[in-house]
């Protein structure tokens, strides 16, 4: 099995695409106005309008109502990313901190309230854990 993507359901695709283009630093692929993808080396982050869920015949996902998921991005320098993103992020959930498992991390929300964690392994053990993953 190959993990392919995570999809965020939203009522405003353009707003989230613009936000994630700033966070990730690449342009989204837009195969349809109601759908976008950020194709990254480890996984694809997809953004779909709530209408796309209805096309699948399911109605469970509710846009802007996530309370259990954190999107995590391994970055080269979390402190530099924090400084770069200050103009775009309205509220930081957690400013840069070194976690007990050896990652330096920062936590914030996208415009729909989804949590985003940027992290950099900083201890020898954490660096070893992530070596070879990218």
N, C-alpha and C. Protein backbone atom coordinates (compact mmCIF):
# COMPACT_ATOMS: atom_id res chain seq x y z
N UNK A 1 0.84 -1.17 0.00
CA UNK A 1 0.00 0.00 0.00
C UNK A 1 0.90 1.24 0.00
N UNK A 2 0.47 2.26 -0.72
CA UNK A 2 1.22 3.51 -0.82
C UNK A 2 0.31 4.66 -0.40
N UNK A 3 0.72 5.37 0.66
CA UNK A 3 -0.08 6.52 1.12
C UNK A 3 0.00 7.60 0.06
N UNK A 4 -1.14 8.03 -0.48
CA UNK A 4 -1.16 8.92 -1.63
C UNK A 4 -1.41 10.38 -1.27
N UNK A 5 -2.42 10.66 -0.44
CA UNK A 5 -2.74 12.06 -0.21
C UNK A 5 -3.60 12.25 1.03
N UNK A 6 -3.66 13.52 1.42
CA UNK A 6 -4.59 14.00 2.43
C UNK A 6 -5.42 15.06 1.73
N UNK A 7 -6.74 15.01 1.89
CA UNK A 7 -7.60 16.01 1.26
C UNK A 7 -8.33 16.81 2.32
N UNK A 8 -8.25 18.12 2.20
CA UNK A 8 -8.99 19.03 3.06
C UNK A 8 -10.25 19.44 2.30
N UNK A 9 -11.39 19.33 2.96
CA UNK A 9 -12.65 19.78 2.38
C UNK A 9 -12.93 21.19 2.88
N UNK A 10 -13.26 22.07 1.97
CA UNK A 10 -13.47 23.48 2.30
C UNK A 10 -14.63 24.06 1.49
N UNK A 11 -15.14 25.16 1.95
CA UNK A 11 -16.14 25.90 1.18
C UNK A 11 -15.50 27.02 0.36
N UNK A 12 -14.18 27.21 0.50
CA UNK A 12 -13.47 28.27 -0.22
C UNK A 12 -12.10 27.75 -0.68
N UNK A 13 -12.10 27.05 -1.80
CA UNK A 13 -10.87 26.45 -2.33
C UNK A 13 -9.82 27.51 -2.61
N UNK A 14 -10.21 28.60 -3.25
CA UNK A 14 -9.24 29.64 -3.63
C UNK A 14 -8.52 30.20 -2.41
N UNK A 15 -9.24 30.45 -1.32
CA UNK A 15 -8.63 31.00 -0.11
C UNK A 15 -7.60 30.03 0.47
N UNK A 16 -7.96 28.75 0.56
CA UNK A 16 -7.01 27.77 1.10
C UNK A 16 -5.83 27.54 0.18
N UNK A 17 -6.07 27.50 -1.12
CA UNK A 17 -4.97 27.33 -2.07
C UNK A 17 -3.98 28.48 -1.93
N UNK A 18 -4.47 29.69 -1.87
CA UNK A 18 -3.59 30.85 -1.72
C UNK A 18 -2.77 30.76 -0.43
N UNK A 19 -3.41 30.35 0.66
CA UNK A 19 -2.72 30.21 1.94
C UNK A 19 -1.63 29.14 1.86
N UNK A 20 -1.99 27.95 1.36
CA UNK A 20 -1.01 26.86 1.31
C UNK A 20 0.10 27.13 0.30
N UNK A 21 -0.17 27.88 -0.76
CA UNK A 21 0.91 28.25 -1.68
C UNK A 21 1.96 29.09 -0.94
N UNK A 22 1.52 29.95 -0.04
CA UNK A 22 2.46 30.75 0.76
C UNK A 22 3.21 29.87 1.76
N UNK A 23 2.50 28.96 2.42
CA UNK A 23 3.12 28.10 3.43
C UNK A 23 4.11 27.14 2.78
N UNK A 24 3.68 26.42 1.74
CA UNK A 24 4.50 25.37 1.14
C UNK A 24 5.54 25.94 0.17
N UNK A 25 5.20 27.05 -0.48
CA UNK A 25 6.15 27.68 -1.39
C UNK A 25 6.12 27.15 -2.81
N UNK A 26 5.05 26.43 -3.17
CA UNK A 26 4.88 25.97 -4.55
C UNK A 26 3.45 26.28 -4.98
N UNK A 27 3.24 26.31 -6.29
CA UNK A 27 1.90 26.53 -6.83
C UNK A 27 1.12 25.23 -6.86
N UNK A 28 -0.16 25.34 -6.61
CA UNK A 28 -1.04 24.17 -6.66
C UNK A 28 -1.37 23.82 -8.10
N UNK A 29 -1.54 22.54 -8.35
CA UNK A 29 -2.10 22.10 -9.62
C UNK A 29 -3.61 22.19 -9.50
N UNK A 30 -4.29 22.76 -10.51
CA UNK A 30 -5.74 22.98 -10.44
C UNK A 30 -6.44 22.28 -11.60
N UNK A 31 -6.68 20.95 -11.51
CA UNK A 31 -7.34 20.25 -12.60
C UNK A 31 -8.81 20.63 -12.77
N UNK A 32 -9.39 21.26 -11.76
CA UNK A 32 -10.78 21.73 -11.83
C UNK A 32 -10.93 22.88 -10.83
N UNK A 33 -11.87 23.78 -11.05
CA UNK A 33 -12.05 24.91 -10.12
C UNK A 33 -12.36 24.48 -8.68
N UNK A 34 -12.93 23.29 -8.51
CA UNK A 34 -13.33 22.82 -7.18
C UNK A 34 -12.29 21.91 -6.54
N UNK A 35 -11.10 21.80 -7.16
CA UNK A 35 -10.10 20.85 -6.68
C UNK A 35 -8.69 21.35 -6.97
N UNK A 36 -7.79 21.16 -6.00
CA UNK A 36 -6.39 21.55 -6.17
C UNK A 36 -5.50 20.52 -5.49
N UNK A 37 -4.26 20.41 -5.96
CA UNK A 37 -3.31 19.50 -5.36
C UNK A 37 -1.93 20.14 -5.26
N UNK A 38 -1.27 19.88 -4.12
CA UNK A 38 0.12 20.22 -3.93
C UNK A 38 0.86 18.88 -3.93
N UNK A 39 1.58 18.59 -4.99
CA UNK A 39 2.27 17.32 -5.11
C UNK A 39 3.67 17.49 -4.52
N UNK A 40 3.89 16.83 -3.38
CA UNK A 40 5.14 16.91 -2.64
C UNK A 40 5.84 15.56 -2.69
N UNK A 41 7.13 15.50 -2.38
CA UNK A 41 7.85 14.23 -2.46
C UNK A 41 7.24 13.10 -1.63
N UNK A 42 6.74 13.38 -0.43
CA UNK A 42 6.24 12.32 0.44
C UNK A 42 4.76 12.03 0.31
N UNK A 43 4.01 13.00 -0.15
CA UNK A 43 2.55 12.87 -0.16
C UNK A 43 1.97 14.04 -0.93
N UNK A 44 0.73 13.94 -1.31
CA UNK A 44 0.03 15.03 -1.96
C UNK A 44 -0.98 15.62 -0.99
N UNK A 45 -1.01 16.94 -0.91
CA UNK A 45 -2.04 17.64 -0.15
C UNK A 45 -3.07 18.12 -1.14
N UNK A 46 -4.28 17.60 -1.02
CA UNK A 46 -5.37 17.97 -1.92
C UNK A 46 -6.34 18.88 -1.18
N UNK A 47 -6.94 19.78 -1.93
CA UNK A 47 -7.97 20.67 -1.38
C UNK A 47 -9.17 20.55 -2.30
N UNK A 48 -10.29 20.15 -1.72
CA UNK A 48 -11.50 19.98 -2.51
C UNK A 48 -12.66 20.77 -1.93
N UNK A 49 -13.46 21.31 -2.80
CA UNK A 49 -14.66 22.02 -2.35
C UNK A 49 -15.65 21.01 -1.77
N UNK A 50 -16.48 21.47 -0.88
CA UNK A 50 -17.48 20.57 -0.28
C UNK A 50 -18.35 19.91 -1.34
N UNK A 51 -18.49 20.54 -2.51
CA UNK A 51 -19.24 19.93 -3.61
C UNK A 51 -18.61 18.62 -4.07
N UNK A 52 -17.29 18.48 -3.94
CA UNK A 52 -16.62 17.26 -4.40
C UNK A 52 -17.00 16.06 -3.56
N UNK A 53 -17.32 16.29 -2.30
CA UNK A 53 -17.76 15.20 -1.44
C UNK A 53 -19.12 14.69 -1.90
N UNK A 54 -19.99 15.59 -2.29
CA UNK A 54 -21.31 15.22 -2.77
C UNK A 54 -21.21 14.40 -4.05
N UNK A 55 -20.20 14.70 -4.89
CA UNK A 55 -20.01 13.92 -6.12
C UNK A 55 -19.69 12.47 -5.81
N UNK A 56 -19.04 12.23 -4.67
CA UNK A 56 -18.69 10.87 -4.26
C UNK A 56 -19.85 10.15 -3.60
N UNK A 57 -20.92 10.87 -3.32
CA UNK A 57 -22.08 10.26 -2.69
C UNK A 57 -21.97 10.16 -1.18
N UNK A 58 -21.00 10.85 -0.59
CA UNK A 58 -20.88 10.84 0.86
C UNK A 58 -21.11 12.25 1.39
N UNK A 59 -21.52 12.33 2.63
CA UNK A 59 -21.81 13.65 3.20
C UNK A 59 -21.19 13.84 4.58
N UNK A 60 -20.29 12.95 4.98
CA UNK A 60 -19.71 13.01 6.32
C UNK A 60 -18.77 14.19 6.53
N UNK A 61 -17.77 14.46 5.65
CA UNK A 61 -16.85 15.57 5.92
C UNK A 61 -17.58 16.91 5.92
N UNK A 62 -17.27 17.72 6.91
CA UNK A 62 -17.85 19.05 7.03
C UNK A 62 -16.72 20.07 6.97
N UNK A 63 -16.79 20.97 6.04
CA UNK A 63 -15.74 21.97 5.85
C UNK A 63 -15.53 22.80 7.10
N UNK A 64 -14.24 23.07 7.41
CA UNK A 64 -13.89 23.94 8.52
C UNK A 64 -14.26 23.41 9.89
N UNK A 65 -14.36 22.08 10.04
CA UNK A 65 -14.84 21.52 11.30
C UNK A 65 -13.90 20.41 11.80
N UNK A 66 -12.61 20.56 11.56
CA UNK A 66 -11.65 19.53 11.94
C UNK A 66 -11.15 19.78 13.36
N UNK A 67 -11.20 18.74 14.18
CA UNK A 67 -10.73 18.85 15.56
C UNK A 67 -9.81 17.69 15.96
N UNK A 68 -9.33 16.92 14.98
CA UNK A 68 -8.53 15.76 15.36
C UNK A 68 -7.32 15.51 14.46
N UNK A 69 -7.03 16.37 13.52
CA UNK A 69 -5.96 16.13 12.57
C UNK A 69 -4.95 17.27 12.60
N UNK A 70 -3.67 16.93 12.49
CA UNK A 70 -2.62 17.94 12.36
C UNK A 70 -1.85 17.61 11.09
N UNK A 71 -1.75 18.56 10.17
CA UNK A 71 -0.92 18.39 8.99
C UNK A 71 0.50 18.76 9.38
N UNK A 72 1.45 17.86 9.11
CA UNK A 72 2.82 18.10 9.54
C UNK A 72 3.76 18.16 8.35
N UNK A 73 4.64 19.16 8.37
CA UNK A 73 5.62 19.36 7.31
C UNK A 73 7.01 19.41 7.93
N UNK A 74 7.89 18.54 7.46
CA UNK A 74 9.30 18.52 7.87
C UNK A 74 10.00 19.62 7.09
N UNK A 75 10.57 20.60 7.77
CA UNK A 75 11.24 21.73 7.12
C UNK A 75 12.70 21.80 7.55
N UNK A 76 13.50 22.49 6.76
CA UNK A 76 14.93 22.60 7.03
C UNK A 76 15.21 23.42 8.29
N UNK A 77 14.48 24.53 8.48
CA UNK A 77 14.74 25.43 9.61
C UNK A 77 13.41 26.01 10.09
N UNK A 78 12.84 25.43 11.12
CA UNK A 78 11.52 25.85 11.58
C UNK A 78 11.51 27.30 12.06
N UNK A 79 12.59 27.77 12.65
CA UNK A 79 12.63 29.16 13.11
C UNK A 79 12.59 30.14 11.93
N UNK A 80 13.29 29.81 10.85
CA UNK A 80 13.26 30.65 9.65
C UNK A 80 11.87 30.63 9.03
N UNK A 81 11.23 29.46 9.01
CA UNK A 81 9.86 29.37 8.46
C UNK A 81 8.89 30.19 9.30
N UNK A 82 9.05 30.15 10.60
CA UNK A 82 8.22 30.95 11.50
C UNK A 82 8.33 32.44 11.14
N UNK A 83 9.55 32.92 10.97
CA UNK A 83 9.76 34.33 10.60
C UNK A 83 9.16 34.64 9.23
N UNK A 84 9.35 33.73 8.28
CA UNK A 84 8.82 33.94 6.92
C UNK A 84 7.31 34.01 6.88
N UNK A 85 6.66 33.19 7.73
CA UNK A 85 5.20 33.08 7.68
C UNK A 85 4.46 34.07 8.58
N UNK A 86 5.17 34.80 9.42
CA UNK A 86 4.50 35.75 10.32
C UNK A 86 3.51 36.67 9.61
N UNK A 87 3.82 37.20 8.43
CA UNK A 87 2.85 38.09 7.76
C UNK A 87 1.56 37.40 7.30
N UNK A 88 1.58 36.07 7.16
CA UNK A 88 0.45 35.35 6.60
C UNK A 88 -0.39 34.61 7.63
N UNK A 89 0.18 34.35 8.79
CA UNK A 89 -0.51 33.57 9.82
C UNK A 89 -1.14 34.52 10.83
N UNK A 90 -2.45 34.41 10.99
CA UNK A 90 -3.17 35.30 11.90
C UNK A 90 -2.89 34.99 13.37
N UNK A 91 -2.88 33.70 13.71
CA UNK A 91 -2.71 33.33 15.11
C UNK A 91 -1.85 32.07 15.21
N UNK A 92 -0.82 32.16 16.02
CA UNK A 92 0.05 31.01 16.27
C UNK A 92 -0.49 30.24 17.46
N UNK A 93 -0.66 28.95 17.32
CA UNK A 93 -1.10 28.10 18.41
C UNK A 93 0.07 27.85 19.35
N UNK A 94 1.26 27.64 18.77
CA UNK A 94 2.49 27.43 19.54
C UNK A 94 3.66 28.03 18.78
N UNK A 95 4.33 28.98 19.39
CA UNK A 95 5.53 29.53 18.78
C UNK A 95 6.63 28.47 18.85
N UNK A 96 7.75 28.67 18.15
CA UNK A 96 8.79 27.62 18.11
C UNK A 96 9.20 27.13 19.50
N UNK A 97 9.22 25.80 19.62
CA UNK A 97 9.56 25.13 20.87
C UNK A 97 10.21 23.80 20.52
N UNK A 98 11.12 23.36 21.35
CA UNK A 98 11.72 22.03 21.15
C UNK A 98 10.91 21.02 21.97
N UNK A 99 10.38 20.02 21.26
CA UNK A 99 9.51 19.02 21.87
C UNK A 99 10.37 17.93 22.55
N UNK A 100 9.77 17.20 23.50
CA UNK A 100 10.53 16.16 24.21
C UNK A 100 11.10 15.07 23.31
N UNK A 101 10.54 14.86 22.11
CA UNK A 101 11.02 13.81 21.21
C UNK A 101 12.07 14.34 20.23
N UNK A 102 12.53 15.61 20.43
CA UNK A 102 13.67 16.11 19.69
C UNK A 102 13.40 16.95 18.46
N UNK A 103 12.14 17.25 18.19
CA UNK A 103 11.81 18.12 17.06
C UNK A 103 11.56 19.53 17.56
N UNK A 104 12.09 20.51 16.85
CA UNK A 104 11.73 21.91 17.09
C UNK A 104 10.52 22.15 16.21
N UNK A 105 9.46 22.71 16.78
CA UNK A 105 8.19 22.78 16.07
C UNK A 105 7.46 24.09 16.32
N UNK A 106 6.59 24.43 15.37
CA UNK A 106 5.70 25.57 15.48
C UNK A 106 4.33 25.10 14.99
N UNK A 107 3.28 25.59 15.62
CA UNK A 107 1.92 25.13 15.33
C UNK A 107 1.02 26.33 15.06
N UNK A 108 0.24 26.25 13.97
CA UNK A 108 -0.69 27.33 13.63
C UNK A 108 -1.88 26.75 12.88
N UNK A 109 -2.86 27.59 12.58
CA UNK A 109 -4.08 27.14 11.89
C UNK A 109 -4.18 27.77 10.51
N UNK A 110 -4.74 27.01 9.57
CA UNK A 110 -5.04 27.57 8.26
C UNK A 110 -6.34 28.37 8.36
N UNK A 111 -6.77 29.04 7.29
CA UNK A 111 -7.99 29.87 7.37
C UNK A 111 -9.27 29.10 7.75
N UNK A 112 -9.29 27.78 7.54
CA UNK A 112 -10.45 26.97 7.93
C UNK A 112 -10.31 26.39 9.34
N UNK A 113 -9.19 26.67 10.00
CA UNK A 113 -9.00 26.19 11.36
C UNK A 113 -8.24 24.89 11.49
N UNK A 114 -7.77 24.31 10.38
CA UNK A 114 -6.99 23.08 10.43
C UNK A 114 -5.62 23.36 11.01
N UNK A 115 -5.16 22.48 11.89
CA UNK A 115 -3.84 22.66 12.52
C UNK A 115 -2.72 22.25 11.57
N UNK A 116 -1.65 23.06 11.58
CA UNK A 116 -0.45 22.79 10.79
C UNK A 116 0.74 22.82 11.73
N UNK A 117 1.58 21.80 11.64
CA UNK A 117 2.80 21.73 12.42
C UNK A 117 3.98 21.73 11.46
N UNK A 118 4.88 22.68 11.61
CA UNK A 118 6.15 22.66 10.89
C UNK A 118 7.19 22.22 11.91
N UNK A 119 8.08 21.31 11.52
CA UNK A 119 9.07 20.84 12.49
C UNK A 119 10.41 20.56 11.83
N UNK A 120 11.45 20.67 12.65
CA UNK A 120 12.82 20.35 12.26
C UNK A 120 13.42 19.47 13.34
N UNK A 121 13.88 18.27 13.00
CA UNK A 121 14.58 17.46 14.00
C UNK A 121 15.87 18.18 14.42
N UNK A 122 16.08 18.29 15.74
CA UNK A 122 17.27 19.02 16.21
C UNK A 122 18.16 18.21 17.13
N UNK A 123 17.65 17.19 17.77
CA UNK A 123 18.51 16.35 18.60
C UNK A 123 19.11 15.25 17.73
N UNK A 124 20.21 14.67 18.19
CA UNK A 124 20.87 13.61 17.42
C UNK A 124 19.91 12.45 17.14
N UNK A 125 19.14 12.06 18.14
CA UNK A 125 18.19 10.95 17.98
C UNK A 125 17.10 11.29 16.96
N UNK A 126 16.56 12.51 17.03
CA UNK A 126 15.50 12.91 16.08
C UNK A 126 16.06 13.00 14.67
N UNK A 127 17.25 13.54 14.52
CA UNK A 127 17.86 13.63 13.20
C UNK A 127 18.06 12.23 12.63
N UNK A 128 18.52 11.30 13.44
CA UNK A 128 18.72 9.92 12.98
C UNK A 128 17.38 9.29 12.56
N UNK A 129 16.32 9.57 13.32
CA UNK A 129 15.00 9.02 13.03
C UNK A 129 14.50 9.46 11.65
N UNK A 130 14.83 10.68 11.24
CA UNK A 130 14.33 11.21 9.98
C UNK A 130 15.31 11.09 8.82
N UNK A 131 16.54 10.65 9.09
CA UNK A 131 17.50 10.53 8.00
C UNK A 131 17.05 9.43 7.03
N UNK A 132 17.14 9.73 5.76
CA UNK A 132 16.74 8.76 4.76
C UNK A 132 15.26 8.78 4.42
N UNK A 133 14.46 9.58 5.09
CA UNK A 133 13.01 9.63 4.79
C UNK A 133 12.72 10.53 3.59
N UNK A 134 13.64 11.41 3.25
CA UNK A 134 13.37 12.36 2.16
C UNK A 134 14.30 12.12 1.01
